[in-house]
Amino acid sequence: MPTVRIDYFGMDGSGRNVTEAKKDAGAKIEEALSGDYSPVLIRSNGEGVLIFREPKYGWGYALIHPDTQGVIRSNGSAYPTKNEAELKARNHLAQIIFTHDGPDGSEVIKDKHDLHNHKRWVTWQRLYKRWIDAGATDHIAHNNACQGLEP
């Protein structure tokens, strides 16, 4: 039997007939509007991320840059849970605030596994820069940093 697909108040629905398709969309709307919608703002070193939930797409986050005068730019991703969105947002913020000669951004990361990966990323970034500063080509600097070699 063919499946009827509809757009019902902005939500997709499907079923054996229009009535079932509306019920499907209605159930999706009810699920989307229930639960936690409280946003989270994380700031560090003048940068920030806003974690938010949209009814149709789920959890996401947006970067807040001071040089854009407060304009928020979304990362374009949707995550099924608030926790997943927050983990990704914290990692993204940590990379944004990283500096070669200052803070590494790790203070915003709360997950132990993500912190370990971030520290490895910081080590690579700093090695790569040292190789470039020593006059290596991009290819050589990249290869040597991947191997953990010092210039």
Protein backbone atom coordinates (compact mmCIF):
# COMPACT_ATOMS: atom_id res chain seq x y z
CA MET A 1 0.00 0.00 0.00
CA PRO A 2 1.35 3.49 -0.84
CA THR A 3 2.48 5.84 1.92
CA VAL A 4 1.05 9.35 2.18
CA ARG A 5 3.60 12.02 3.07
CA ILE A 6 2.55 15.48 4.23
CA ASP A 7 3.92 18.66 5.72
CA TYR A 8 1.73 19.46 8.70
CA PHE A 9 2.47 22.80 10.38
CA GLY A 10 6.11 22.52 9.31
CA MET A 11 6.56 18.91 10.41
CA ASP A 12 6.82 15.93 8.08
CA GLY A 13 4.30 13.15 8.58
CA SER A 14 3.63 9.86 6.84
CA GLY A 15 1.03 7.11 7.04
CA ARG A 16 -1.35 4.90 5.07
CA ASN A 17 -3.72 7.85 4.61
CA VAL A 18 -3.91 11.58 5.34
CA THR A 19 -5.38 11.02 8.81
CA GLU A 20 -2.49 8.73 9.82
CA ALA A 21 0.05 11.10 8.26
CA LYS A 22 -1.41 13.98 10.33
CA LYS A 23 -1.28 11.84 13.48
CA ASP A 24 2.37 11.00 12.74
CA ALA A 25 3.26 14.67 12.23
CA GLY A 26 1.26 15.63 15.34
CA ALA A 27 3.15 13.09 17.45
CA LYS A 28 6.44 14.48 16.11
CA ILE A 29 5.33 18.03 16.94
CA GLU A 30 4.34 16.98 20.46
CA GLU A 31 7.69 15.24 20.98
CA ALA A 32 9.61 18.21 19.55
CA LEU A 33 7.91 20.68 21.87
CA SER A 34 8.31 18.65 25.05
CA GLY A 35 11.42 18.49 27.18
CA ASP A 36 14.26 20.86 27.91
CA TYR A 37 14.71 24.05 25.92
CA SER A 38 17.01 25.88 28.31
CA PRO A 39 20.01 27.34 26.45
CA VAL A 40 23.58 27.25 27.70
CA LEU A 41 26.11 30.05 27.17
CA ILE A 42 29.80 29.24 27.54
CA ARG A 43 32.33 32.08 27.39
CA SER A 44 36.09 32.16 27.56
CA ASN A 45 38.76 34.62 26.44
CA GLY A 46 36.23 36.95 24.84
CA GLU A 47 34.65 34.22 22.68
CA GLY A 48 31.49 32.26 23.29
CA VAL A 49 29.14 29.52 22.19
CA LEU A 50 25.39 29.39 22.67
CA ILE A 51 23.87 25.93 22.88
CA PHE A 52 20.17 25.86 21.96
CA ARG A 53 17.36 23.55 20.88
CA GLU A 54 15.13 23.94 17.85
CA PRO A 55 11.84 22.03 17.68
CA LYS A 56 12.41 20.48 14.28
CA TYR A 57 16.19 19.94 14.24
CA GLY A 58 17.18 19.26 17.85
CA TRP A 59 20.19 20.67 19.67
CA GLY A 60 22.82 22.85 18.07
CA TYR A 61 25.22 25.60 18.91
CA ALA A 62 26.27 28.95 17.56
CA LEU A 63 29.56 30.80 17.84
CA ILE A 64 29.58 34.32 19.20
CA HIS A 65 32.52 36.39 17.96
CA PRO A 66 33.33 39.83 19.33
CA ASP A 67 34.61 40.98 15.93
CA THR A 68 31.15 40.44 14.42
CA GLN A 69 29.60 42.79 16.98
CA GLY A 70 27.60 40.04 18.64
CA VAL A 71 26.31 38.41 15.47
CA ILE A 72 25.76 34.73 16.09
CA ARG A 73 26.91 32.24 13.46
CA SER A 74 25.49 28.73 13.69
CA ASN A 75 27.69 25.73 13.07
CA GLY A 76 24.88 24.21 10.97
CA SER A 77 24.80 20.92 12.84
CA ALA A 78 22.03 19.32 14.85
CA TYR A 79 22.61 16.88 17.67
CA PRO A 80 20.06 14.53 19.22
CA THR A 81 20.93 15.51 22.81
CA LYS A 82 21.91 18.62 24.70
CA ASN A 83 24.98 16.81 26.04
CA GLU A 84 26.28 15.99 22.54
CA ALA A 85 25.79 19.58 21.40
CA GLU A 86 27.60 20.86 24.50
CA LEU A 87 30.55 18.48 24.01
CA LYS A 88 30.98 19.63 20.39
CA ALA A 89 30.52 23.29 21.34
CA ARG A 90 33.13 23.09 24.10
CA ASN A 91 35.65 21.45 21.75
CA HIS A 92 35.01 24.06 19.07
CA LEU A 93 35.38 26.91 21.56
CA ALA A 94 38.61 25.43 22.93
CA GLN A 95 40.09 25.41 19.41
CA ILE A 96 38.94 28.96 18.73
CA ILE A 97 40.54 30.39 21.89
CA PHE A 98 43.75 28.40 21.50
CA THR A 99 46.92 30.46 21.08
CA HIS A 100 50.41 29.16 20.38
CA ASP A 101 52.00 31.18 23.15
CA GLY A 102 49.15 31.40 25.65
CA PRO A 103 46.18 29.47 26.93
CA ASP A 104 45.43 26.21 25.17
CA GLY A 105 41.66 26.47 25.71
CA SER A 106 41.45 23.24 27.65
CA GLU A 107 39.68 24.91 30.58
CA VAL A 108 36.36 24.86 28.69
CA ILE A 109 36.48 21.12 28.02
CA LYS A 110 34.83 18.99 30.71
CA ASP A 111 34.94 15.51 29.13
CA LYS A 112 38.09 13.52 29.99
CA HIS A 113 38.36 11.86 26.55
CA ASP A 114 37.81 15.16 24.72
CA LEU A 115 40.41 16.83 26.95
CA HIS A 116 42.96 14.16 26.03
CA ASN A 117 42.24 14.65 22.31
CA HIS A 118 42.41 18.44 22.65
CA LYS A 119 45.81 18.26 24.34
CA ARG A 120 47.08 16.08 21.46
CA TRP A 121 45.69 18.65 18.98
CA VAL A 122 47.43 21.50 20.88
CA THR A 123 50.73 19.60 20.87
CA TRP A 124 50.46 19.09 17.10
CA GLN A 125 49.58 22.76 16.48
CA ARG A 126 52.55 23.97 18.49
CA LEU A 127 54.98 21.51 16.85
CA TYR A 128 53.74 22.46 13.39
CA LYS A 129 54.24 26.17 14.12
CA ARG A 130 57.77 25.55 15.44
CA TRP A 131 58.66 23.72 12.22
CA ILE A 132 57.20 26.53 10.07
CA ASP A 133 59.05 29.13 12.15
CA ALA A 134 62.26 27.12 11.61
CA GLY A 135 61.77 27.43 7.84
CA ALA A 136 60.22 24.05 6.98
CA THR A 137 57.74 23.76 4.12
CA ASP A 138 54.11 23.08 4.94
CA HIS A 139 54.49 19.44 3.90
CA ILE A 140 57.62 18.85 6.00
CA ALA A 141 56.17 20.71 9.01
CA HIS A 142 52.94 18.70 8.80
CA ASN A 143 54.76 15.38 8.46
CA ASN A 144 57.21 16.08 11.29
CA ALA A 145 54.49 17.37 13.63
CA CYS A 146 52.46 14.21 12.96
CA GLN A 147 55.47 12.18 14.02
CA GLY A 148 55.99 14.31 17.13
CA LEU A 149 59.44 15.43 15.99
CA GLU A 150 60.97 18.64 17.33
CA PRO A 151 62.75 21.02 14.91
